[in-house]
């Protein structure tokens, strides 16, 4: 990546402020982890998140035809490539992200994969994409291996970018960060089964549905909780196994970043706890970690950073 144009410190400060605002507004769980970090790392993570958030917003806009969304994502990534190579920009997110890349040696390849992940739900040119509706939801992935690849692109890649910012010296951190991203995404998938099905999307693999005699319509309705529970238990166990990576990963990142990684992992693993405590009822209401509980986790994370 070229060193490119150097922006005035006031411009960068403003650009990072925009990214922090986006993150604070949209990252209901991740933002708590960001708060434990030193300012320069918090800024960098906010820049990565803001870049990812905009790509997601383009991909998910139902008012725009799918081919147009794909074209917009291609342009978005091409525009950033030019900025990463040194082109001038007035885009606050691009400005902050380029600065973060230079500071923390974040490969542009990771950002490419991240945007590629946002296109995986779109119909055109993707055998795993969605074209169903609430009445006839589509199961996109035949096997867990296929689902893993999706989770890698939408979550593990984010984890790999995060540890670049956290700082690490041992390459063993990389597969651990990948696995932790899988755990986070499986948690999201379980929490959002009802919401996703209402948009015609089923992320749980067909081989798992077949194992328990479950149809896409069963998942969409949620009417037979006893029938669905063994399927959800299987996915939760997979998530738990991947969460174990955090225990090995936390000591491998720089000490000033360990509290932030612990906060992120604790909030997401507690979200999975709450799903299990409700006997996997993700239909009655959206499962959340209450704000007060997240504030308590944040406090413990700050204590970990200081001790």
C-alpha atoms as a PDB file:
ATOM      1  CA  UNK A   1       0.000   0.000   0.000  1.00  0.00           C
ATOM      2  CA  UNK A   2       1.389   3.389  -0.970  1.00  0.00           C
ATOM      3  CA  UNK A   3       2.089   5.991   1.689  1.00  0.00           C
ATOM      4  CA  UNK A   4       0.042   8.371  -0.467  1.00  0.00           C
ATOM      5  CA  UNK A   5      -1.336  11.730   0.572  1.00  0.00           C
ATOM      6  CA  UNK A   6      -0.714  12.855   4.132  1.00  0.00           C
ATOM      7  CA  UNK A   7      -3.724  14.539   5.692  1.00  0.00           C
ATOM      8  CA  UNK A   8      -3.630  17.314   8.239  1.00  0.00           C
ATOM      9  CA  UNK A   9      -4.003  16.029  11.827  1.00  0.00           C
ATOM     10  CA  UNK A  10      -7.258  17.970  12.205  1.00  0.00           C
ATOM     11  CA  UNK A  11      -8.691  16.246   9.114  1.00  0.00           C
ATOM     12  CA  UNK A  12      -7.761  12.846  10.505  1.00  0.00           C
ATOM     13  CA  UNK A  13      -9.171  13.670  13.916  1.00  0.00           C
ATOM     14  CA  UNK A  14     -12.463  14.657  12.289  1.00  0.00           C
ATOM     15  CA  UNK A  15     -12.458  11.543  10.091  1.00  0.00           C
ATOM     16  CA  UNK A  16     -11.926   9.269  13.067  1.00  0.00           C
ATOM     17  CA  UNK A  17     -14.690  11.104  14.907  1.00  0.00           C
ATOM     18  CA  UNK A  18     -17.088  10.226  12.088  1.00  0.00           C
ATOM     19  CA  UNK A  19     -16.053   6.555  12.313  1.00  0.00           C
ATOM     20  CA  UNK A  20     -16.490   6.498  16.092  1.00  0.00           C
ATOM     21  CA  UNK A  21     -19.973   7.983  15.706  1.00  0.00           C
ATOM     22  CA  UNK A  22     -20.936   5.295  13.179  1.00  0.00           C
ATOM     23  CA  UNK A  23     -19.582   2.586  15.469  1.00  0.00           C
ATOM     24  CA  UNK A  24     -21.259   3.965  18.582  1.00  0.00           C
ATOM     25  CA  UNK A  25     -24.592   4.159  16.738  1.00  0.00           C
ATOM     26  CA  UNK A  26     -24.527   0.769  15.026  1.00  0.00           C
ATOM     27  CA  UNK A  27     -22.205  -1.606  16.919  1.00  0.00           C
ATOM     28  CA  UNK A  28     -24.430  -2.456  19.869  1.00  0.00           C
ATOM     29  CA  UNK A  29     -22.083  -5.152  21.196  1.00  0.00           C
ATOM     30  CA  UNK A  30     -18.695  -4.460  19.634  1.00  0.00           C
ATOM     31  CA  UNK A  31     -18.511  -0.873  20.832  1.00  0.00           C
ATOM     32  CA  UNK A  32     -18.136  -1.936  24.454  1.00  0.00           C
ATOM     33  CA  UNK A  33     -14.954  -3.804  23.592  1.00  0.00           C
ATOM     34  CA  UNK A  34     -13.619  -0.824  21.668  1.00  0.00           C
ATOM     35  CA  UNK A  35     -13.955   1.390  24.758  1.00  0.00           C
ATOM     36  CA  UNK A  36     -11.335  -0.619  26.646  1.00  0.00           C
ATOM     37  CA  UNK A  37      -8.646   0.107  24.043  1.00  0.00           C
ATOM     38  CA  UNK A  38      -6.160   2.979  23.911  1.00  0.00           C
ATOM     39  CA  UNK A  39      -7.372   5.792  21.670  1.00  0.00           C
ATOM     40  CA  UNK A  40      -5.249   4.963  18.609  1.00  0.00           C
ATOM     41  CA  UNK A  41      -6.500   1.347  18.546  1.00  0.00           C
ATOM     42  CA  UNK A  42     -10.093   2.361  19.251  1.00  0.00           C
ATOM     43  CA  UNK A  43      -9.918   4.757  16.312  1.00  0.00           C
ATOM     44  CA  UNK A  44      -8.533   2.089  13.991  1.00  0.00           C
ATOM     45  CA  UNK A  45     -11.195  -0.470  14.922  1.00  0.00           C
ATOM     46  CA  UNK A  46     -13.869   2.178  14.430  1.00  0.00           C
ATOM     47  CA  UNK A  47     -12.515   2.880  10.938  1.00  0.00           C
ATOM     48  CA  UNK A  48     -12.632  -0.816  10.015  1.00  0.00           C
ATOM     49  CA  UNK A  49     -16.139  -1.139  11.450  1.00  0.00           C
ATOM     50  CA  UNK A  50     -17.413   1.966   9.613  1.00  0.00           C
ATOM     51  CA  UNK A  51     -16.020   0.623   6.320  1.00  0.00           C
ATOM     52  CA  UNK A  52     -17.698  -2.740   6.947  1.00  0.00           C
ATOM     53  CA  UNK A  53     -20.976  -1.109   8.019  1.00  0.00           C
ATOM     54  CA  UNK A  54     -21.289   0.847   4.794  1.00  0.00           C
ATOM     55  CA  UNK A  55     -20.618  -2.265   2.696  1.00  0.00           C
ATOM     56  CA  UNK A  56     -23.315  -4.122   4.670  1.00  0.00           C
ATOM     57  CA  UNK A  57     -25.764  -1.267   4.176  1.00  0.00           C
ATOM     58  CA  UNK A  58     -25.236  -1.360   0.405  1.00  0.00           C
ATOM     59  CA  UNK A  59     -25.682  -5.137   0.322  1.00  0.00           C
ATOM     60  CA  UNK A  60     -28.820  -5.155   2.494  1.00  0.00           C
ATOM     61  CA  UNK A  61     -30.770  -2.285   0.896  1.00  0.00           C
ATOM     62  CA  UNK A  62     -34.042  -3.901  -0.298  1.00  0.00           C
ATOM     63  CA  UNK A  63     -35.035  -0.770  -2.236  1.00  0.00           C
ATOM     64  CA  UNK A  64     -32.149  -1.273  -4.683  1.00  0.00           C
ATOM     65  CA  UNK A  65     -32.176  -4.082  -7.285  1.00  0.00           C
ATOM     66  CA  UNK A  66     -29.595  -6.795  -6.652  1.00  0.00           C
ATOM     67  CA  UNK A  67     -27.480  -6.121  -9.767  1.00  0.00           C
ATOM     68  CA  UNK A  68     -27.268  -2.449  -8.780  1.00  0.00           C
ATOM     69  CA  UNK A  69     -26.208  -3.386  -5.242  1.00  0.00           C
ATOM     70  CA  UNK A  70     -23.436  -5.566  -6.624  1.00  0.00           C
ATOM     71  CA  UNK A  71     -22.292  -2.752  -8.910  1.00  0.00           C
ATOM     72  CA  UNK A  72     -22.277  -0.320  -5.975  1.00  0.00           C
ATOM     73  CA  UNK A  73     -20.181  -2.723  -3.892  1.00  0.00           C
ATOM     74  CA  UNK A  74     -17.716  -3.166  -6.746  1.00  0.00           C
ATOM     75  CA  UNK A  75     -17.405   0.609  -7.080  1.00  0.00           C
ATOM     76  CA  UNK A  76     -17.070   1.064  -3.314  1.00  0.00           C
ATOM     77  CA  UNK A  77     -14.164  -1.352  -3.174  1.00  0.00           C
ATOM     78  CA  UNK A  78     -12.506   0.036  -6.318  1.00  0.00           C
ATOM     79  CA  UNK A  79     -12.775   3.564  -4.900  1.00  0.00           C
ATOM     80  CA  UNK A  80     -11.100   2.466  -1.702  1.00  0.00           C
ATOM     81  CA  UNK A  81      -8.327   0.673  -3.602  1.00  0.00           C
ATOM     82  CA  UNK A  82      -7.472   3.955  -5.289  1.00  0.00           C
ATOM     83  CA  UNK A  83      -7.375   5.697  -1.907  1.00  0.00           C
ATOM     84  CA  UNK A  84      -5.225   2.927  -0.415  1.00  0.00           C
ATOM     85  CA  UNK A  85      -2.774   3.440  -3.267  1.00  0.00           C
ATOM     86  CA  UNK A  86      -2.481   7.137  -2.525  1.00  0.00           C
ATOM     87  CA  UNK A  87      -5.351   8.951  -4.229  1.00  0.00           C
ATOM     88  CA  UNK A  88      -6.763  12.030  -2.514  1.00  0.00           C
ATOM     89  CA  UNK A  89     -10.141  11.600  -0.782  1.00  0.00           C
ATOM     90  CA  UNK A  90     -12.693  13.645   1.118  1.00  0.00           C
ATOM     91  CA  UNK A  91     -14.467  10.493   2.370  1.00  0.00           C
ATOM     92  CA  UNK A  92     -13.996  10.425   6.141  1.00  0.00           C
ATOM     93  CA  UNK A  93     -14.190   6.615   6.419  1.00  0.00           C
ATOM     94  CA  UNK A  94     -11.706   6.050   3.596  1.00  0.00           C
ATOM     95  CA  UNK A  95      -9.367   8.673   5.064  1.00  0.00           C
ATOM     96  CA  UNK A  96      -9.399   7.087   8.516  1.00  0.00           C
ATOM     97  CA  UNK A  97      -9.143   3.548   7.196  1.00  0.00           C
ATOM     98  CA  UNK A  98      -6.115   4.327   5.033  1.00  0.00           C
ATOM     99  CA  UNK A  99      -4.401   5.916   8.026  1.00  0.00           C
ATOM    100  CA  UNK A 100      -5.241   2.850  10.153  1.00  0.00           C
ATOM    101  CA  UNK A 101      -3.901   0.505   7.481  1.00  0.00           C
ATOM    102  CA  UNK A 102      -0.618   2.363   7.475  1.00  0.00           C
ATOM    103  CA  UNK A 103      -0.354   2.420  11.261  1.00  0.00           C
ATOM    104  CA  UNK A 104      -1.256  -1.235  11.861  1.00  0.00           C
ATOM    105  CA  UNK A 105      -0.262  -2.951   8.605  1.00  0.00           C
ATOM    106  CA  UNK A 106      -3.767  -4.199   7.811  1.00  0.00           C
ATOM    107  CA  UNK A 107      -3.630  -6.003   4.438  1.00  0.00           C
ATOM    108  CA  UNK A 108      -6.030  -4.669   1.814  1.00  0.00           C
ATOM    109  CA  UNK A 109      -6.706  -8.341   1.015  1.00  0.00           C
ATOM    110  CA  UNK A 110      -8.599  -8.633   4.309  1.00  0.00           C
ATOM    111  CA  UNK A 111     -10.806  -5.687   3.366  1.00  0.00           C
ATOM    112  CA  UNK A 112     -11.427  -7.268  -0.047  1.00  0.00           C
ATOM    113  CA  UNK A 113     -12.561 -10.475   1.641  1.00  0.00           C
ATOM    114  CA  UNK A 114     -14.770  -8.527   4.003  1.00  0.00           C
ATOM    115  CA  UNK A 115     -16.610  -6.850   1.108  1.00  0.00           C
ATOM    116  CA  UNK A 116     -16.781 -10.192  -0.708  1.00  0.00           C
ATOM    117  CA  UNK A 117     -18.568 -11.574   2.352  1.00  0.00           C
ATOM    118  CA  UNK A 118     -21.249  -8.885   2.102  1.00  0.00           C
ATOM    119  CA  UNK A 119     -22.042 -10.008  -1.463  1.00  0.00           C
ATOM    120  CA  UNK A 120     -22.587 -13.651  -0.519  1.00  0.00           C
ATOM    121  CA  UNK A 121     -26.254 -13.066   0.350  1.00  0.00           C
ATOM    122  CA  UNK A 122     -27.033 -11.549  -3.061  1.00  0.00           C
ATOM    123  CA  UNK A 123     -28.639 -13.684  -5.720  1.00  0.00           C
ATOM    124  CA  UNK A 124     -26.743 -12.944  -8.909  1.00  0.00           C
ATOM    125  CA  UNK A 125     -23.782 -15.222  -9.586  1.00  0.00           C
ATOM    126  CA  UNK A 126     -23.828 -16.968  -6.213  1.00  0.00           C
ATOM    127  CA  UNK A 127     -25.177 -20.485  -5.769  1.00  0.00           C
ATOM    128  CA  UNK A 128     -25.575 -19.907  -2.019  1.00  0.00           C
ATOM    129  CA  UNK A 129     -27.501 -16.660  -2.278  1.00  0.00           C
ATOM    130  CA  UNK A 130     -31.127 -16.065  -1.367  1.00  0.00           C
ATOM    131  CA  UNK A 131     -34.152 -15.682  -3.606  1.00  0.00           C
ATOM    132  CA  UNK A 132     -36.892 -16.892  -1.248  1.00  0.00           C
ATOM    133  CA  UNK A 133     -39.448 -15.107   0.869  1.00  0.00           C
ATOM    134  CA  UNK A 134     -41.089 -15.568   4.261  1.00  0.00           C
ATOM    135  CA  UNK A 135     -43.504 -18.183   2.916  1.00  0.00           C
ATOM    136  CA  UNK A 136     -40.812 -20.114   1.050  1.00  0.00           C
ATOM    137  CA  UNK A 137     -37.449 -19.479   2.715  1.00  0.00           C
ATOM    138  CA  UNK A 138     -34.287 -20.730   1.035  1.00  0.00           C
ATOM    139  CA  UNK A 139     -31.642 -22.855   2.763  1.00  0.00           C
ATOM    140  CA  UNK A 140     -28.416 -21.475   1.334  1.00  0.00           C
ATOM    141  CA  UNK A 141     -25.794 -23.921   2.609  1.00  0.00           C
ATOM    142  CA  UNK A 142     -25.847 -27.662   2.102  1.00  0.00           C
ATOM    143  CA  UNK A 143     -23.082 -28.488   4.596  1.00  0.00           C
ATOM    144  CA  UNK A 144     -21.450 -26.980   7.654  1.00  0.00           C
ATOM    145  CA  UNK A 145     -18.223 -26.637   5.632  1.00  0.00           C
ATOM    146  CA  UNK A 146     -20.060 -24.294   3.260  1.00  0.00           C
ATOM    147  CA  UNK A 147     -21.508 -22.332   6.181  1.00  0.00           C
ATOM    148  CA  UNK A 148     -18.025 -22.105   7.708  1.00  0.00           C
ATOM    149  CA  UNK A 149     -16.762 -20.430   4.528  1.00  0.00           C
ATOM    150  CA  UNK A 150     -19.557 -17.862   4.759  1.00  0.00           C
ATOM    151  CA  UNK A 151     -18.812 -17.219   8.441  1.00  0.00           C
ATOM    152  CA  UNK A 152     -15.128 -16.849   7.620  1.00  0.00           C
ATOM    153  CA  UNK A 153     -15.823 -14.067   5.129  1.00  0.00           C
ATOM    154  CA  UNK A 154     -18.330 -12.116   7.231  1.00  0.00           C
ATOM    155  CA  UNK A 155     -16.801 -12.613  10.686  1.00  0.00           C
ATOM    156  CA  UNK A 156     -13.380 -14.300  10.805  1.00  0.00           C
ATOM    157  CA  UNK A 157     -11.928 -11.733   8.412  1.00  0.00           C
ATOM    158  CA  UNK A 158     -13.033  -9.029  10.846  1.00  0.00           C
ATOM    159  CA  UNK A 159     -11.264 -10.919  13.639  1.00  0.00           C
ATOM    160  CA  UNK A 160      -8.077 -11.133  11.593  1.00  0.00           C
ATOM    161  CA  UNK A 161      -8.202  -7.372  11.005  1.00  0.00           C
ATOM    162  CA  UNK A 162      -8.857  -6.801  14.717  1.00  0.00           C
ATOM    163  CA  UNK A 163      -5.780  -8.699  15.877  1.00  0.00           C
ATOM    164  CA  UNK A 164      -3.656  -6.621  13.493  1.00  0.00           C
ATOM    165  CA  UNK A 165      -4.828  -3.634  15.515  1.00  0.00           C
ATOM    166  CA  UNK A 166      -4.642  -5.411  18.873  1.00  0.00           C
ATOM    167  CA  UNK A 167      -1.074  -6.422  18.116  1.00  0.00           C
ATOM    168  CA  UNK A 168       0.411  -9.934  18.271  1.00  0.00           C
ATOM    169  CA  UNK A 169       3.744 -11.608  17.626  1.00  0.00           C
ATOM    170  CA  UNK A 170       2.851 -15.295  17.468  1.00  0.00           C
ATOM    171  CA  UNK A 171       1.269 -16.487  14.203  1.00  0.00           C
ATOM    172  CA  UNK A 172      -0.766 -18.967  16.260  1.00  0.00           C
ATOM    173  CA  UNK A 173      -3.076 -16.020  16.972  1.00  0.00           C
ATOM    174  CA  UNK A 174      -4.384 -16.075  13.401  1.00  0.00           C
ATOM    175  CA  UNK A 175      -6.270 -19.413  13.348  1.00  0.00           C
ATOM    176  CA  UNK A 176      -7.541 -18.677  16.860  1.00  0.00           C
ATOM    177  CA  UNK A 177      -8.957 -15.334  15.692  1.00  0.00           C
ATOM    178  CA  UNK A 178     -10.526 -17.119  12.732  1.00  0.00           C
ATOM    179  CA  UNK A 179     -12.241 -19.634  15.027  1.00  0.00           C
ATOM    180  CA  UNK A 180     -13.451 -16.929  17.405  1.00  0.00           C
ATOM    181  CA  UNK A 181     -15.059 -15.141  14.456  1.00  0.00           C
ATOM    182  CA  UNK A 182     -16.896 -18.358  13.607  1.00  0.00           C
ATOM    183  CA  UNK A 183     -18.190 -18.520  17.202  1.00  0.00           C
ATOM    184  CA  UNK A 184     -19.493 -14.953  17.018  1.00  0.00           C
ATOM    185  CA  UNK A 185     -21.251 -15.552  13.705  1.00  0.00           C
ATOM    186  CA  UNK A 186     -22.864 -18.827  14.791  1.00  0.00           C
ATOM    187  CA  UNK A 187     -24.220 -16.943  17.808  1.00  0.00           C
ATOM    188  CA  UNK A 188     -25.643 -14.274  15.503  1.00  0.00           C
ATOM    189  CA  UNK A 189     -27.203 -16.913  13.245  1.00  0.00           C
ATOM    190  CA  UNK A 190     -28.946 -18.622  16.181  1.00  0.00           C
ATOM    191  CA  UNK A 191     -30.202 -15.317  17.592  1.00  0.00           C
ATOM    192  CA  UNK A 192     -31.511 -14.164  14.199  1.00  0.00           C
ATOM    193  CA  UNK A 193     -33.220 -17.354  12.949  1.00  0.00           C
ATOM    194  CA  UNK A 194     -36.681 -15.756  13.049  1.00  0.00           C
ATOM    195  CA  UNK A 195     -35.609 -12.451  11.514  1.00  0.00           C
ATOM    196  CA  UNK A 196     -33.601 -14.120   8.748  1.00  0.00           C
ATOM    197  CA  UNK A 197     -36.402 -16.544   7.900  1.00  0.00           C
ATOM    198  CA  UNK A 198     -38.821 -13.619   7.576  1.00  0.00           C
ATOM    199  CA  UNK A 199     -36.543 -12.372   4.764  1.00  0.00           C
ATOM    200  CA  UNK A 200     -36.470 -15.793   3.114  1.00  0.00           C
ATOM    201  CA  UNK A 201     -33.046 -16.689   4.486  1.00  0.00           C
ATOM    202  CA  UNK A 202     -32.023 -19.894   6.284  1.00  0.00           C
ATOM    203  CA  UNK A 203     -28.352 -20.068   7.243  1.00  0.00           C
ATOM    204  CA  UNK A 204     -28.339 -23.369   9.146  1.00  0.00           C
ATOM    205  CA  UNK A 205     -27.024 -26.134   6.860  1.00  0.00           C
ATOM    206  CA  UNK A 206     -29.368 -28.446   5.001  1.00  0.00           C
ATOM    207  CA  UNK A 207     -27.480 -31.493   6.289  1.00  0.00           C
ATOM    208  CA  UNK A 208     -28.300 -30.439   9.859  1.00  0.00           C
ATOM    209  CA  UNK A 209     -31.974 -29.839   9.063  1.00  0.00           C
ATOM    210  CA  UNK A 210     -32.140 -33.254   7.422  1.00  0.00           C
ATOM    211  CA  UNK A 211     -30.505 -34.892  10.451  1.00  0.00           C
ATOM    212  CA  UNK A 212     -33.403 -33.783  12.670  1.00  0.00           C
ATOM    213  CA  UNK A 213     -36.186 -33.946  10.075  1.00  0.00           C
ATOM    214  CA  UNK A 214     -36.691 -30.182  10.002  1.00  0.00           C
ATOM    215  CA  UNK A 215     -37.891 -28.142   7.024  1.00  0.00           C
ATOM    216  CA  UNK A 216     -37.192 -24.522   6.182  1.00  0.00           C
ATOM    217  CA  UNK A 217     -40.859 -23.798   6.945  1.00  0.00           C
ATOM    218  CA  UNK A 218     -40.434 -25.338  10.427  1.00  0.00           C
ATOM    219  CA  UNK A 219     -37.619 -22.896  11.119  1.00  0.00           C
ATOM    220  CA  UNK A 220     -39.566 -19.970   9.741  1.00  0.00           C
ATOM    221  CA  UNK A 221     -42.613 -20.650  11.907  1.00  0.00           C
ATOM    222  CA  UNK A 222     -40.866 -21.757  15.106  1.00  0.00           C
ATOM    223  CA  UNK A 223     -44.123 -23.477  16.035  1.00  0.00           C
ATOM    224  CA  UNK A 224     -42.635 -26.774  17.254  1.00  0.00           C
ATOM    225  CA  UNK A 225     -39.919 -25.818  19.732  1.00  0.00           C
ATOM    226  CA  UNK A 226     -39.326 -29.408  20.861  1.00  0.00           C
ATOM    227  CA  UNK A 227     -38.553 -30.430  17.303  1.00  0.00           C
ATOM    228  CA  UNK A 228     -36.212 -27.489  16.716  1.00  0.00           C
ATOM    229  CA  UNK A 229     -34.303 -27.696  20.000  1.00  0.00           C
ATOM    230  CA  UNK A 230     -31.872 -30.524  19.048  1.00  0.00           C
ATOM    231  CA  UNK A 231     -30.860 -28.592  15.914  1.00  0.00           C
ATOM    232  CA  UNK A 232     -30.200 -25.439  17.909  1.00  0.00           C
ATOM    233  CA  UNK A 233     -28.296 -27.418  20.540  1.00  0.00           C
ATOM    234  CA  UNK A 234     -25.991 -28.786  17.829  1.00  0.00           C
ATOM    235  CA  UNK A 235     -25.177 -25.312  16.504  1.00  0.00           C
ATOM    236  CA  UNK A 236     -24.729 -23.943  20.030  1.00  0.00           C
ATOM    237  CA  UNK A 237     -22.253 -26.719  20.836  1.00  0.00           C
ATOM    238  CA  UNK A 238     -20.282 -25.841  17.733  1.00  0.00           C
ATOM    239  CA  UNK A 239     -20.245 -22.238  18.846  1.00  0.00           C
ATOM    240  CA  UNK A 240     -19.066 -23.213  22.335  1.00  0.00           C
ATOM    241  CA  UNK A 241     -16.220 -25.250  20.870  1.00  0.00           C
ATOM    242  CA  UNK A 242     -15.061 -22.286  18.793  1.00  0.00           C
ATOM    243  CA  UNK A 243     -15.322 -19.922  21.786  1.00  0.00           C
ATOM    244  CA  UNK A 244     -12.601 -21.989  23.460  1.00  0.00           C
ATOM    245  CA  UNK A 245     -10.157 -20.336  21.058  1.00  0.00           C
ATOM    246  CA  UNK A 246     -10.490 -17.110  23.046  1.00  0.00           C
ATOM    247  CA  UNK A 247      -8.785 -18.687  26.068  1.00  0.00           C
ATOM    248  CA  UNK A 248      -5.667 -19.302  23.980  1.00  0.00           C
ATOM    249  CA  UNK A 249      -5.925 -16.096  21.923  1.00  0.00           C
ATOM    250  CA  UNK A 250      -6.162 -13.503  24.699  1.00  0.00           C
ATOM    251  CA  UNK A 251      -2.602 -14.092  26.039  1.00  0.00           C
ATOM    252  CA  UNK A 252      -1.203 -13.812  22.501  1.00  0.00           C
ATOM    253  CA  UNK A 253      -2.322 -10.225  21.881  1.00  0.00           C
ATOM    254  CA  UNK A 254      -0.631  -7.170  23.381  1.00  0.00           C
ATOM    255  CA  UNK A 255      -1.453  -6.644  27.040  1.00  0.00           C
ATOM    256  CA  UNK A 256      -3.198  -3.312  26.468  1.00  0.00           C
ATOM    257  CA  UNK A 257      -5.597  -5.094  24.075  1.00  0.00           C
ATOM    258  CA  UNK A 258      -6.395  -8.136  26.184  1.00  0.00           C
ATOM    259  CA  UNK A 259      -9.214  -6.462  28.128  1.00  0.00           C
ATOM    260  CA  UNK A 260     -10.969  -5.446  24.903  1.00  0.00           C
ATOM    261  CA  UNK A 261     -10.798  -8.956  23.469  1.00  0.00           C
ATOM    262  CA  UNK A 262     -12.098 -10.364  26.751  1.00  0.00           C
ATOM    263  CA  UNK A 263     -15.054  -7.922  26.727  1.00  0.00           C
ATOM    264  CA  UNK A 264     -15.995  -8.812  23.138  1.00  0.00           C
ATOM    265  CA  UNK A 265     -15.832 -12.530  23.858  1.00  0.00           C
ATOM    266  CA  UNK A 266     -17.693 -12.254  27.163  1.00  0.00           C
ATOM    267  CA  UNK A 267     -20.599 -10.295  25.672  1.00  0.00           C
ATOM    268  CA  UNK A 268     -21.028 -12.679  22.754  1.00  0.00           C
ATOM    269  CA  UNK A 269     -20.657 -15.840  24.822  1.00  0.00           C
ATOM    270  CA  UNK A 270     -23.231 -14.500  27.281  1.00  0.00           C
ATOM    271  CA  UNK A 271     -25.572 -13.912  24.362  1.00  0.00           C
ATOM    272  CA  UNK A 272     -25.245 -17.612  23.552  1.00  0.00           C
ATOM    273  CA  UNK A 273     -25.811 -18.375  27.264  1.00  0.00           C
ATOM    274  CA  UNK A 274     -29.082 -16.457  27.173  1.00  0.00           C
ATOM    275  CA  UNK A 275     -30.243 -18.291  24.064  1.00  0.00           C
ATOM    276  CA  UNK A 276     -29.606 -21.577  25.847  1.00  0.00           C
ATOM    277  CA  UNK A 277     -31.244 -20.377  29.070  1.00  0.00           C
ATOM    278  CA  UNK A 278     -34.417 -19.661  27.088  1.00  0.00           C
ATOM    279  CA  UNK A 279     -34.389 -23.255  25.787  1.00  0.00           C
ATOM    280  CA  UNK A 280     -33.551 -21.819  22.365  1.00  0.00           C
ATOM    281  CA  UNK A 281     -36.726 -19.750  22.123  1.00  0.00           C
ATOM    282  CA  UNK A 282     -35.488 -17.149  19.642  1.00  0.00           C
ATOM    283  CA  UNK A 283     -38.999 -16.487  18.359  1.00  0.00           C
ATOM    284  CA  UNK A 284     -40.889 -14.842  21.222  1.00  0.00           C
ATOM    285  CA  UNK A 285     -38.529 -11.869  21.369  1.00  0.00           C
ATOM    286  CA  UNK A 286     -35.036 -10.959  20.248  1.00  0.00           C
ATOM    287  CA  UNK A 287     -32.428 -12.261  22.697  1.00  0.00           C
ATOM    288  CA  UNK A 288     -30.095  -9.567  24.032  1.00  0.00           C
ATOM    289  CA  UNK A 289     -27.487  -8.953  26.685  1.00  0.00           C
ATOM    290  CA  UNK A 290     -28.997  -6.072  28.720  1.00  0.00           C
ATOM    291  CA  UNK A 291     -27.143  -2.757  28.644  1.00  0.00           C
ATOM    292  CA  UNK A 292     -26.497  -2.775  32.392  1.00  0.00           C
ATOM    293  CA  UNK A 293     -24.924  -6.219  32.108  1.00  0.00           C
ATOM    294  CA  UNK A 294     -22.720  -5.036  29.238  1.00  0.00           C
ATOM    295  CA  UNK A 295     -21.628  -2.043  31.300  1.00  0.00           C
ATOM    296  CA  UNK A 296     -20.611  -4.447  34.073  1.00  0.00           C
ATOM    297  CA  UNK A 297     -18.576  -6.493  31.587  1.00  0.00           C
ATOM    298  CA  UNK A 298     -16.975  -3.274  30.318  1.00  0.00           C
ATOM    299  CA  UNK A 299     -15.966  -2.329  33.856  1.00  0.00           C
ATOM    300  CA  UNK A 300     -14.348  -5.736  34.418  1.00  0.00           C
ATOM    301  CA  UNK A 301     -12.537  -5.399  31.097  1.00  0.00           C
ATOM    302  CA  UNK A 302     -11.128  -2.032  32.110  1.00  0.00           C
ATOM    303  CA  UNK A 303      -9.950  -3.514  35.396  1.00  0.00           C
ATOM    304  CA  UNK A 304      -8.205  -6.301  33.462  1.00  0.00           C
ATOM    305  CA  UNK A 305      -6.418  -3.717  31.335  1.00  0.00           C
ATOM    306  CA  UNK A 306      -5.181  -1.821  34.378  1.00  0.00           C
ATOM    307  CA  UNK A 307      -3.962  -4.843  36.358  1.00  0.00           C
END
